[in-house]
Protein backbone atom coordinates (compact mmCIF):
# COMPACT_ATOMS: atom_id res chain seq x y z
CA MET A 1 -5.98 -21.70 45.70
CA THR A 2 -3.80 -20.70 42.86
CA ILE A 3 -1.45 -22.20 40.34
CA ALA A 4 1.44 -20.72 42.54
CA SER A 5 0.52 -22.55 45.72
CA HIS A 6 -0.12 -25.87 43.72
CA ILE A 7 3.61 -25.32 42.20
CA ARG A 8 4.77 -24.71 46.34
CA ARG A 9 3.09 -28.30 47.20
CA SER A 10 5.15 -29.78 44.65
CA VAL A 11 8.90 -29.86 46.11
CA TRP A 12 10.39 -31.46 42.84
CA THR A 13 8.36 -29.69 40.25
CA VAL A 14 10.51 -26.68 39.97
CA PRO A 15 13.86 -28.69 39.88
CA PHE A 16 12.45 -31.23 37.56
CA ALA A 17 11.18 -28.47 35.28
CA VAL A 18 14.36 -26.58 35.16
CA LEU A 19 16.28 -29.54 34.35
CA MET A 20 13.88 -30.54 31.67
CA ALA A 21 14.20 -26.96 30.07
CA ALA A 22 18.14 -27.11 30.22
CA LEU A 23 18.38 -30.45 28.73
CA LEU A 24 16.01 -29.14 25.74
CA ILE A 25 17.66 -26.20 25.46
CA ALA A 26 21.17 -28.17 25.34
CA ILE A 27 20.07 -30.65 22.92
CA SER A 28 18.65 -28.06 20.48
CA GLU A 29 21.38 -25.89 20.81
CA LEU A 30 24.20 -28.71 20.01
CA SER A 31 21.82 -30.25 16.91
CA TYR A 32 21.61 -26.53 15.74
CA ARG A 33 25.07 -25.67 15.56
CA GLN A 34 25.94 -29.17 13.65
CA ALA A 35 23.00 -28.83 11.36
CA THR A 36 23.97 -25.41 10.56
CA LEU A 37 27.75 -26.52 10.34
CA SER A 38 26.73 -29.06 7.53
CA LEU A 39 24.43 -26.88 5.75
CA ASP A 40 27.10 -24.04 5.29
CA GLN A 41 29.29 -26.85 4.09
CA LEU A 42 26.86 -28.10 1.64
CA GLY A 43 25.99 -24.58 0.58
CA GLN A 44 29.67 -24.19 -0.37
CA MET A 45 29.78 -27.25 -2.17
CA GLY A 46 26.63 -26.42 -4.06
CA LYS A 47 28.44 -23.27 -5.03
CA ALA A 48 31.61 -24.71 -6.27
CA SER A 49 29.42 -27.12 -8.42
CA ILE A 50 27.40 -24.04 -9.88
CA ASP A 51 30.74 -22.29 -10.39
CA ILE A 52 31.92 -25.10 -12.59
CA GLN A 53 28.87 -25.44 -14.49
CA VAL A 54 29.15 -21.62 -15.02
CA LEU A 55 32.72 -21.91 -16.31
CA LEU A 56 31.59 -24.44 -18.59
CA ARG A 57 28.68 -22.48 -20.02
CA ALA A 58 30.96 -19.46 -20.24
CA LEU A 59 33.41 -21.35 -22.53
CA THR A 60 30.78 -22.60 -24.42
CA ASP A 61 29.08 -19.04 -25.17
CA ALA A 62 32.59 -17.47 -25.76
CA GLU A 63 33.11 -20.37 -28.34
CA THR A 64 29.71 -19.79 -29.70
CA GLY A 65 30.25 -16.14 -29.97
CA GLU A 66 33.70 -16.47 -31.86
CA ARG A 67 32.03 -19.13 -34.67
CA GLY A 68 29.38 -16.55 -34.95
CA TYR A 69 31.78 -13.65 -35.69
CA LEU A 70 33.57 -15.97 -38.04
CA LEU A 71 30.81 -16.93 -40.16
CA THR A 72 28.97 -14.00 -40.20
CA GLY A 73 31.65 -10.97 -39.78
CA ARG A 74 28.91 -9.09 -37.66
CA ARG A 75 30.76 -7.68 -34.10
CA GLU A 76 27.56 -7.94 -32.16
CA TYR A 77 28.70 -11.70 -31.88
CA LEU A 78 32.03 -10.56 -30.09
CA GLN A 79 29.80 -9.61 -27.27
CA PRO A 80 28.69 -13.16 -25.63
CA TYR A 81 32.47 -13.92 -26.44
CA ALA A 82 33.48 -11.36 -24.03
CA GLU A 83 31.21 -11.78 -21.52
CA GLY A 84 32.05 -15.69 -21.67
CA ARG A 85 35.93 -14.70 -21.19
CA ARG A 86 34.95 -12.58 -18.27
CA SER A 87 32.63 -15.16 -16.65
CA ALA A 88 35.08 -18.00 -17.06
CA ALA A 89 38.04 -15.86 -15.31
CA ALA A 90 35.25 -14.87 -12.56
CA SER A 91 34.33 -18.88 -12.37
CA LEU A 92 38.07 -19.94 -11.92
CA ALA A 93 38.88 -17.21 -9.21
CA GLU A 94 35.95 -18.85 -7.16
CA LEU A 95 37.15 -22.30 -7.76
CA ARG A 96 40.72 -21.11 -6.76
CA ARG A 97 39.48 -19.69 -3.46
CA TYR A 98 37.01 -22.73 -2.74
CA TYR A 99 39.55 -25.47 -3.28
CA ALA A 100 42.75 -23.57 -1.63
CA TYR A 101 42.61 -25.75 1.44
CA SER A 102 42.07 -28.91 -0.28
CA PRO A 103 45.34 -30.37 -1.25
CA GLU A 104 43.75 -33.61 -2.84
CA THR A 105 41.95 -31.37 -5.91
CA ALA A 106 44.77 -28.86 -5.95
CA LYS A 107 46.25 -30.39 -9.33
CA GLU A 108 43.02 -30.98 -10.87
CA ILE A 109 42.09 -27.09 -10.31
CA ALA A 110 45.64 -26.22 -11.81
CA ASP A 111 45.06 -28.60 -14.71
CA LEU A 112 41.53 -26.90 -15.34
CA ALA A 113 42.80 -23.48 -15.18
CA ALA A 114 45.61 -24.08 -17.53
CA ILE A 115 43.23 -25.91 -20.14
CA THR A 116 40.67 -22.96 -19.65
CA GLU A 117 43.68 -20.53 -20.59
CA GLU A 118 44.79 -22.68 -23.38
CA LYS A 119 41.13 -22.61 -24.86
CA LEU A 120 40.67 -19.13 -24.43
CA SER A 121 43.95 -18.51 -26.27
CA GLU A 122 43.13 -20.54 -28.99
CA LEU A 123 39.80 -18.37 -29.56
CA ALA A 124 41.79 -15.32 -29.36
CA THR A 125 44.54 -16.15 -31.81
CA THR A 126 41.94 -17.44 -34.25
CA LEU A 127 39.91 -14.02 -33.95
CA GLU A 128 43.21 -12.19 -34.20
CA LEU A 129 44.14 -14.12 -37.43
CA TYR A 130 40.52 -13.69 -38.63
CA ASP A 131 41.08 -9.85 -38.03
CA LYS A 132 43.82 -9.49 -39.70
CA GLY A 133 42.41 -11.14 -42.96
CA GLU A 134 44.20 -14.24 -42.82
CA GLY A 135 41.68 -16.83 -43.84
CA ASP A 136 43.77 -19.81 -44.45
CA GLY A 137 45.38 -19.31 -40.93
CA TRP A 138 41.93 -19.02 -38.84
CA ARG A 139 40.64 -22.04 -40.92
CA GLU A 140 43.47 -24.46 -40.63
CA LEU A 141 43.45 -23.33 -36.74
CA ILE A 142 39.79 -24.21 -36.40
CA LEU A 143 39.97 -27.66 -38.87
CA SER A 144 43.15 -28.56 -36.56
CA ASN A 145 40.37 -29.79 -33.80
CA ILE A 146 42.74 -28.20 -31.06
CA GLY A 147 39.69 -26.24 -29.44
CA LYS A 148 37.85 -29.15 -29.17
CA GLU A 149 40.55 -31.21 -27.32
CA LYS A 150 40.72 -28.70 -25.03
CA MET A 151 37.21 -28.23 -24.96
CA ASP A 152 36.90 -32.03 -24.00
CA GLY A 153 39.67 -31.77 -21.32
CA VAL A 154 37.87 -28.92 -19.66
CA ARG A 155 34.71 -31.24 -19.83
CA ALA A 156 36.36 -34.13 -18.23
CA LEU A 157 38.12 -32.11 -15.14
CA ALA A 158 34.78 -30.21 -14.89
CA THR A 159 32.96 -33.72 -14.80
CA ARG A 160 35.48 -35.21 -12.15
CA LEU A 161 34.86 -32.35 -9.63
CA VAL A 162 31.04 -31.87 -9.88
CA GLU A 163 30.97 -36.08 -9.32
CA ARG A 164 33.58 -35.40 -6.22
CA GLU A 165 31.32 -32.55 -5.05
CA SER A 166 28.06 -34.70 -5.71
CA SER A 167 29.54 -37.31 -3.40
CA ARG A 168 30.67 -34.70 -0.73
CA VAL A 169 27.00 -33.41 -0.94
CA GLU A 170 25.37 -36.62 -0.48
CA ALA A 171 27.82 -37.40 2.49
CA GLY A 172 27.06 -33.92 3.97
CA ARG A 173 23.29 -34.60 3.24
CA GLN A 174 23.58 -37.91 5.63
CA ASP A 175 25.11 -36.14 8.35
CA VAL A 176 22.49 -33.53 8.46
CA TYR A 177 20.00 -36.41 8.86
CA ARG A 178 22.11 -38.22 11.53
CA ILE A 179 22.24 -35.14 13.35
CA LEU A 180 18.27 -34.55 13.19
CA VAL A 181 17.40 -37.71 13.84
CA LEU A 182 19.54 -37.54 16.94
CA GLY A 183 18.17 -34.41 17.76
CA ARG A 184 14.51 -35.60 17.53
CA ILE A 185 14.96 -38.65 19.52
CA GLY A 186 16.45 -36.55 22.53
CA ILE A 187 14.11 -33.63 22.19
CA SER A 188 11.29 -36.57 21.95
CA LEU A 189 12.72 -38.28 25.10
CA MET A 190 12.67 -35.11 26.92
CA ALA A 191 9.24 -34.16 25.75
CA ALA A 192 7.92 -37.45 27.20
CA LEU A 193 9.32 -36.94 30.49
CA GLY A 194 8.01 -33.30 30.64
CA VAL A 195 4.62 -34.52 29.41
CA PHE A 196 4.74 -37.51 32.23
CA GLY A 197 5.49 -34.00 34.98
CA PHE A 198 2.59 -31.92 33.01
CA ILE A 199 0.02 -34.68 33.54
CA ARG A 200 0.70 -35.07 37.31
CA TYR A 201 0.85 -31.14 37.64
CA LEU A 202 -2.74 -31.14 35.83
CA ARG A 203 -4.07 -33.44 38.09
CA GLN A 204 -3.39 -31.25 40.95
CA SER A 205 -4.43 -28.00 39.31
CA ALA A 206 -7.77 -29.59 37.79
CA GLU A 207 -10.19 -28.44 40.38
CA LEU A 208 -8.46 -25.23 40.35
CA LEU A 209 -9.15 -24.70 36.72
CA ALA A 210 -12.57 -25.99 36.90
CA ARG A 211 -13.40 -23.66 39.38
CA ARG A 212 -11.81 -20.55 37.52
CA ALA A 213 -13.73 -21.73 34.32
CA GLU A 214 -16.94 -21.58 36.27
CA GLN A 215 -15.69 -18.08 37.60
CA GLU A 216 -15.07 -16.79 34.16
CA ARG A 217 -18.27 -18.02 32.76
CA ILE A 218 -20.28 -16.00 35.24
CA VAL A 219 -18.04 -13.15 34.71
CA ARG A 220 -18.54 -13.49 30.39
CA MET A 221 -22.47 -14.00 31.18
CA GLU A 222 -22.50 -10.33 32.81
CA ARG A 223 -19.98 -8.71 30.52
CA ASP A 224 -22.38 -9.92 27.37
CA ALA A 225 -25.20 -8.47 29.47
CA LEU A 226 -23.51 -5.44 30.00
CA GLU A 227 -22.54 -5.12 26.32
CA VAL A 228 -25.54 -5.71 24.98
CA GLU A 229 -27.47 -2.97 27.42
CA VAL A 230 -24.38 -0.41 26.37
CA LYS A 231 -24.97 -1.25 22.69
CA LEU A 232 -28.69 -0.82 22.72
CA GLN A 233 -28.25 2.62 24.70
CA ARG A 234 -25.45 3.22 22.17
CA SER A 235 -27.68 2.59 19.27
CA ALA A 236 -30.57 4.62 20.52
CA GLN A 237 -28.35 7.47 21.04
CA ILE A 238 -26.96 7.49 17.51
CA ASP A 239 -30.38 7.09 16.19
CA ASP A 240 -31.69 10.15 17.94
CA LEU A 241 -28.39 12.03 17.20
CA ALA A 242 -28.57 10.93 13.20
CA ARG A 243 -32.39 12.00 13.40
CA HIS A 244 -31.27 15.27 14.97
CA LEU A 245 -28.80 15.95 12.43
CA GLN A 246 -30.91 15.09 9.55
CA THR A 247 -33.88 17.27 10.58
CA ALA A 248 -31.21 20.17 11.05
CA ARG A 249 -29.88 19.91 7.80
CA GLU A 250 -33.42 19.45 6.44
CA ASP A 251 -33.86 22.82 8.57
CA GLU A 252 -30.84 24.36 7.37
CA ARG A 253 -32.01 23.43 3.68
CA SER A 254 -35.26 25.33 4.20
CA ARG A 255 -33.65 28.56 5.81
CA LEU A 256 -30.96 28.70 2.68
CA ALA A 257 -33.83 28.32 -0.02
CA ARG A 258 -35.36 31.17 1.84
CA ASP A 259 -32.81 33.19 1.80
CA LEU A 260 -31.78 32.22 -1.89
CA HIS A 261 -35.40 33.38 -2.76
CA ASP A 262 -35.79 36.28 -0.86
CA GLU A 263 -32.44 37.92 -1.12
CA LEU A 264 -31.05 36.49 -4.29
CA GLY A 265 -34.41 36.53 -6.02
CA ALA A 266 -34.70 40.29 -4.91
CA LEU A 267 -31.59 41.28 -6.36
CA LEU A 268 -31.80 39.29 -9.89
CA THR A 269 -35.50 40.73 -10.13
CA ALA A 270 -34.21 44.15 -9.72
CA ALA A 271 -31.55 43.48 -11.95
CA LYS A 272 -33.76 42.04 -14.58
CA LEU A 273 -35.89 45.34 -14.12
CA ASP A 274 -33.11 47.58 -14.47
CA ALA A 275 -31.80 45.93 -17.84
CA ALA A 276 -35.52 46.17 -18.98
CA ARG A 277 -35.43 49.97 -18.11
CA LEU A 278 -32.11 50.76 -19.93
CA LYS A 279 -33.22 48.93 -23.05
CA SER A 280 -36.71 50.60 -23.05
CA ARG A 281 -34.60 54.14 -22.72
CA LEU A 282 -32.15 53.17 -25.11
CA SER A 283 -34.22 53.11 -28.17
CA SER A 284 -31.79 54.35 -30.74
CA THR A 285 -28.86 52.31 -29.21
CA THR A 286 -26.62 50.66 -31.88
CA PRO A 287 -27.13 46.97 -32.75
CA GLU A 288 -23.98 46.14 -30.59
CA ILE A 289 -25.54 47.68 -27.68
CA ALA A 290 -29.12 45.98 -28.29
CA GLU A 291 -27.19 42.62 -28.70
CA ARG A 292 -25.84 43.10 -25.22
CA LEU A 293 -28.88 44.15 -23.36
CA ALA A 294 -30.35 40.91 -24.71
CA HIS A 295 -27.44 38.70 -23.68
CA LEU A 296 -27.73 40.36 -20.23
CA ASN A 297 -31.32 39.94 -20.24
CA GLU A 298 -30.89 36.19 -20.86
CA ALA A 299 -28.12 35.77 -18.25
CA LEU A 300 -30.32 37.20 -16.12
CA SER A 301 -33.25 34.83 -16.51
CA SER A 302 -30.74 31.85 -16.55
CA GLY A 303 -29.94 32.94 -13.42
CA ILE A 304 -33.32 33.39 -12.00
CA ALA A 305 -34.46 29.66 -13.60
CA LEU A 306 -31.15 28.63 -11.73
CA LYS A 307 -31.93 30.21 -8.53
CA ARG A 308 -35.33 28.48 -8.69
CA ARG A 309 -33.92 24.91 -9.33
CA ILE A 310 -31.47 25.00 -6.63
CA ILE A 311 -34.29 26.13 -4.49
CA GLU A 312 -36.63 23.52 -5.47
CA ASP A 313 -33.79 21.15 -4.82
CA LEU A 314 -33.08 22.27 -1.27
CA ARG A 315 -36.45 22.25 -0.20
CA PRO A 316 -39.18 21.50 -2.99
CA SER A 317 -42.13 24.11 -2.57
CA SER A 318 -44.13 21.95 -4.76
CA LEU A 319 -44.02 19.12 -2.04
CA THR A 320 -46.20 21.66 0.24
CA HIS A 321 -48.30 23.08 -2.49
CA LEU A 322 -49.05 20.93 -4.89
CA GLY A 323 -48.59 17.03 -3.07
CA LEU A 324 -46.00 14.15 -3.20
CA LEU A 325 -47.35 12.60 -6.82
CA ALA A 326 -47.32 16.12 -8.79
CA THR A 327 -43.69 16.97 -7.05
CA LEU A 328 -42.41 13.33 -8.04
CA ASP A 329 -44.01 13.94 -11.59
CA ILE A 330 -42.15 17.60 -12.01
CA GLN A 331 -38.94 15.88 -10.82
CA ALA A 332 -38.97 13.12 -13.43
CA ARG A 333 -39.74 15.19 -16.08
CA GLU A 334 -36.69 17.92 -15.15
CA PHE A 335 -34.71 14.89 -14.56
CA GLY A 336 -35.37 13.17 -17.87
CA GLU A 337 -34.98 16.60 -19.84
CA ARG A 338 -31.38 17.38 -18.10
CA ALA A 339 -30.27 14.00 -18.52
CA GLY A 340 -31.92 13.06 -21.91
CA LEU A 341 -33.42 9.76 -20.67
CA ALA A 342 -37.02 8.37 -21.22
CA VAL A 343 -38.50 8.47 -17.77
CA VAL A 344 -41.76 6.83 -17.21
CA CYS A 345 -44.10 7.39 -14.22
CA ASP A 346 -46.55 5.29 -12.52
CA LEU A 347 -47.91 7.15 -9.56
CA GLN A 348 -50.76 6.32 -7.49
CA PRO A 349 -52.13 8.47 -4.60
CA VAL A 350 -50.81 7.27 -1.11
CA GLN A 351 -51.34 8.47 2.66
CA LEU A 352 -47.91 9.43 3.96
CA SER A 353 -47.11 11.96 6.62
CA GLU A 354 -45.71 15.08 5.79
CA SER A 355 -41.58 13.93 6.72
CA ALA A 356 -42.30 10.56 4.79
CA ASP A 357 -43.29 12.54 1.80
CA LEU A 358 -40.16 14.36 2.23
CA THR A 359 -38.12 11.12 2.56
CA VAL A 360 -39.78 9.70 -0.92
CA TYR A 361 -39.07 12.92 -2.48
CA ARG A 362 -35.06 12.57 -1.17
CA LEU A 363 -35.02 8.73 -1.90
CA VAL A 364 -35.99 9.62 -5.54
CA GLN A 365 -33.69 12.81 -5.93
CA GLU A 366 -31.01 10.51 -4.63
CA ALA A 367 -31.32 7.52 -7.29
CA PHE A 368 -32.07 10.25 -10.21
CA THR A 369 -28.24 11.42 -8.97
CA ASN A 370 -26.90 7.80 -8.72
CA ILE A 371 -28.12 7.17 -12.47
CA ALA A 372 -27.16 10.17 -13.75
CA LYS A 373 -23.68 9.37 -12.38
CA TYR A 374 -22.68 5.84 -12.62
CA ALA A 375 -25.93 3.68 -14.39
CA GLN A 376 -25.43 4.66 -18.17
CA ALA A 377 -29.31 4.25 -18.68
CA HIS A 378 -31.63 4.98 -21.32
CA ASN A 379 -34.96 4.26 -19.75
CA VAL A 380 -35.93 4.94 -16.28
CA THR A 381 -39.17 4.05 -14.36
CA VAL A 382 -40.62 5.57 -11.28
CA SER A 383 -43.76 3.67 -9.50
CA VAL A 384 -45.96 4.91 -6.35
CA GLN A 385 -48.20 2.37 -5.14
CA ALA A 386 -50.20 1.36 -2.24
CA ARG A 387 -50.92 -2.25 -1.39
CA ASP A 388 -52.70 -3.30 2.04
CA GLY A 389 -51.87 -0.36 3.43
CA VAL A 390 -47.90 0.19 2.58
CA ALA A 391 -46.77 2.49 0.06
CA HIS A 392 -44.63 0.69 -2.35
CA ILE A 393 -41.80 2.99 -3.98
CA LEU A 394 -39.65 2.14 -6.80
CA VAL A 395 -36.66 3.66 -9.13
CA ARG A 396 -35.38 1.17 -11.75
CA ASP A 397 -33.09 1.87 -14.72
CA ASP A 398 -31.59 -0.50 -17.60
CA GLY A 399 -28.20 0.67 -16.93
CA VAL A 400 -24.89 -1.16 -16.53
CA GLY A 401 -25.93 -2.31 -12.69
CA PHE A 402 -23.49 -3.14 -10.26
CA ASN A 403 -22.65 -5.86 -7.79
CA PRO A 404 -24.38 -4.48 -4.31
CA ASP A 405 -22.25 -6.98 -2.04
CA ILE A 406 -18.69 -5.67 -3.16
CA SER A 407 -19.51 -2.41 -5.13
CA LYS A 408 -18.65 0.88 -3.45
CA ARG A 409 -19.91 3.19 -6.12
CA ALA A 410 -22.81 6.01 -4.52
CA ALA A 411 -22.15 3.69 -1.27
CA HIS A 412 -23.02 6.80 0.88
CA GLY A 413 -25.80 7.57 -0.81
CA LEU A 414 -27.51 4.17 -0.40
CA VAL A 415 -26.62 4.21 3.37
CA GLY A 416 -28.36 7.88 3.30
CA MET A 417 -31.34 6.32 1.66
CA ARG A 418 -31.50 3.27 3.78
CA TYR A 419 -31.54 5.29 6.80
CA ARG A 420 -34.12 8.16 5.78
CA VAL A 421 -36.63 4.96 5.06
CA GLU A 422 -35.43 3.09 8.20
CA THR A 423 -35.94 6.31 10.33
CA GLU A 424 -39.77 6.55 8.95
CA GLY A 425 -40.25 2.85 9.92
CA GLY A 426 -39.64 1.41 6.55
CA ALA A 427 -37.33 -0.74 4.54
CA LEU A 428 -35.32 -0.42 1.65
CA ARG A 429 -33.89 -3.04 -0.87
CA VAL A 430 -31.54 -2.70 -3.72
CA GLU A 431 -31.30 -5.38 -6.42
CA SER A 432 -28.67 -5.58 -9.19
CA ARG A 433 -26.46 -7.26 -11.40
CA PRO A 434 -23.54 -6.40 -13.95
CA GLY A 435 -25.28 -5.77 -17.23
CA HIS A 436 -28.71 -5.93 -15.63
CA GLY A 437 -29.83 -2.57 -14.34
CA THR A 438 -30.52 -1.43 -11.10
CA CYS A 439 -34.08 -1.45 -8.99
CA ILE A 440 -34.26 0.54 -5.60
CA LEU A 441 -37.58 -0.58 -3.83
CA ALA A 442 -38.84 1.25 -0.37
CA THR A 443 -41.80 0.49 1.44
CA LEU A 444 -43.44 2.77 4.07
CA GLN A 445 -46.58 2.45 6.24
CA GLU A 446 -49.45 4.58 5.13
CA CYS A 447 -50.99 6.79 7.80
CA LYS A 448 -54.57 7.54 8.22
CA ALA A 449 -56.15 10.55 6.58
CA ASP A 450 -56.58 12.46 9.87
CA ASN A 451 -53.11 11.94 10.55
CA VAL A 452 -51.85 13.42 7.59
CA ALA A 453 -54.15 16.33 8.18
CA ALA A 454 -52.72 16.60 11.62
CA GLY A 455 -49.56 16.26 10.23
């Protein structure tokens, strides 16, 4: 049984719903149109009041600019005077358009326009007399209080117009309130009738909805179980793929290190031997040639050292030949020399597999990289300790630190560290606060001696 079948069983449901919808639409549309008309009128009234206030302010600005020019003789005071004249003319034009269809205010607008023109004319005449050098004339005109009388007349007319507009605005507001109240009552009545019909409908469909809810719950449980299974399979596949990519990257590093060692090493060594032969055979060379040969020999030696450092970064041979602790000690000393930092090592023997040794090496390498780029540190501590069959690896600096919850600096490096450690069955924790340095702590399970040897 569906909702459509319930509707078909109730003969009056569809007509009743259509009627309620039509009444609601009619009431809403009527209220909207009346309210919109009233609001438009209120907006025009408010604009008229603003234009009146702008006119008063424009005349005041013009008079202020005129007085400033008369007192100081500085022409920059004429700018507010000119702007006030333009603004007053624009406001008068707007007021004439607004009151064009209002016969009861036609005389007041005409009087306002006339007295405004007289005030502006009085200001212009005063400035003209001042510019002609007729000091007695413009002073007498100012002291005659003609300008004050004109300004008082403008204010009186403007006040009457503003009061009239305020009364009309209040009446319009009351109209809007009445329209809204009527619309509210009508919609409330229609809503009450709609609720009554809806309750009747709900009683008929309650059983259907309950049955559907049960079916949806069963489907949701099955979907959630399927999503969990798919997520587990996908996570396992992603972990396998990431592990494969990590192994492939290390293999590629090893291959590249071998190629650099064999091919580039042979080329640099041969070049250095040729330079040595040239130096021995050119015993009677000039000082300039000898200096050039010495510089070439130094450059080749630097190239060989750079090649050796790159190879060690790609695949540290010391990790295979000397072990983890010696490799970390070398790595720390070289980093301290390059970065100019004090690096303190506390390295104790731990039993880890070959892959775990490489993970620890890469962890410390990435931590050193981040310290050099971001930390602004002065002291660095590297610690490797074994407690209760667990290897604890710690890298701490006294740099600027960061907020691990919001900082994006070295985000990929930290993610890579965490994944490497978790791939080996360990855990990684980053502790840092702005201004309090950073501490990276990793824990890995130790292996038995025979497992290490087998690895």
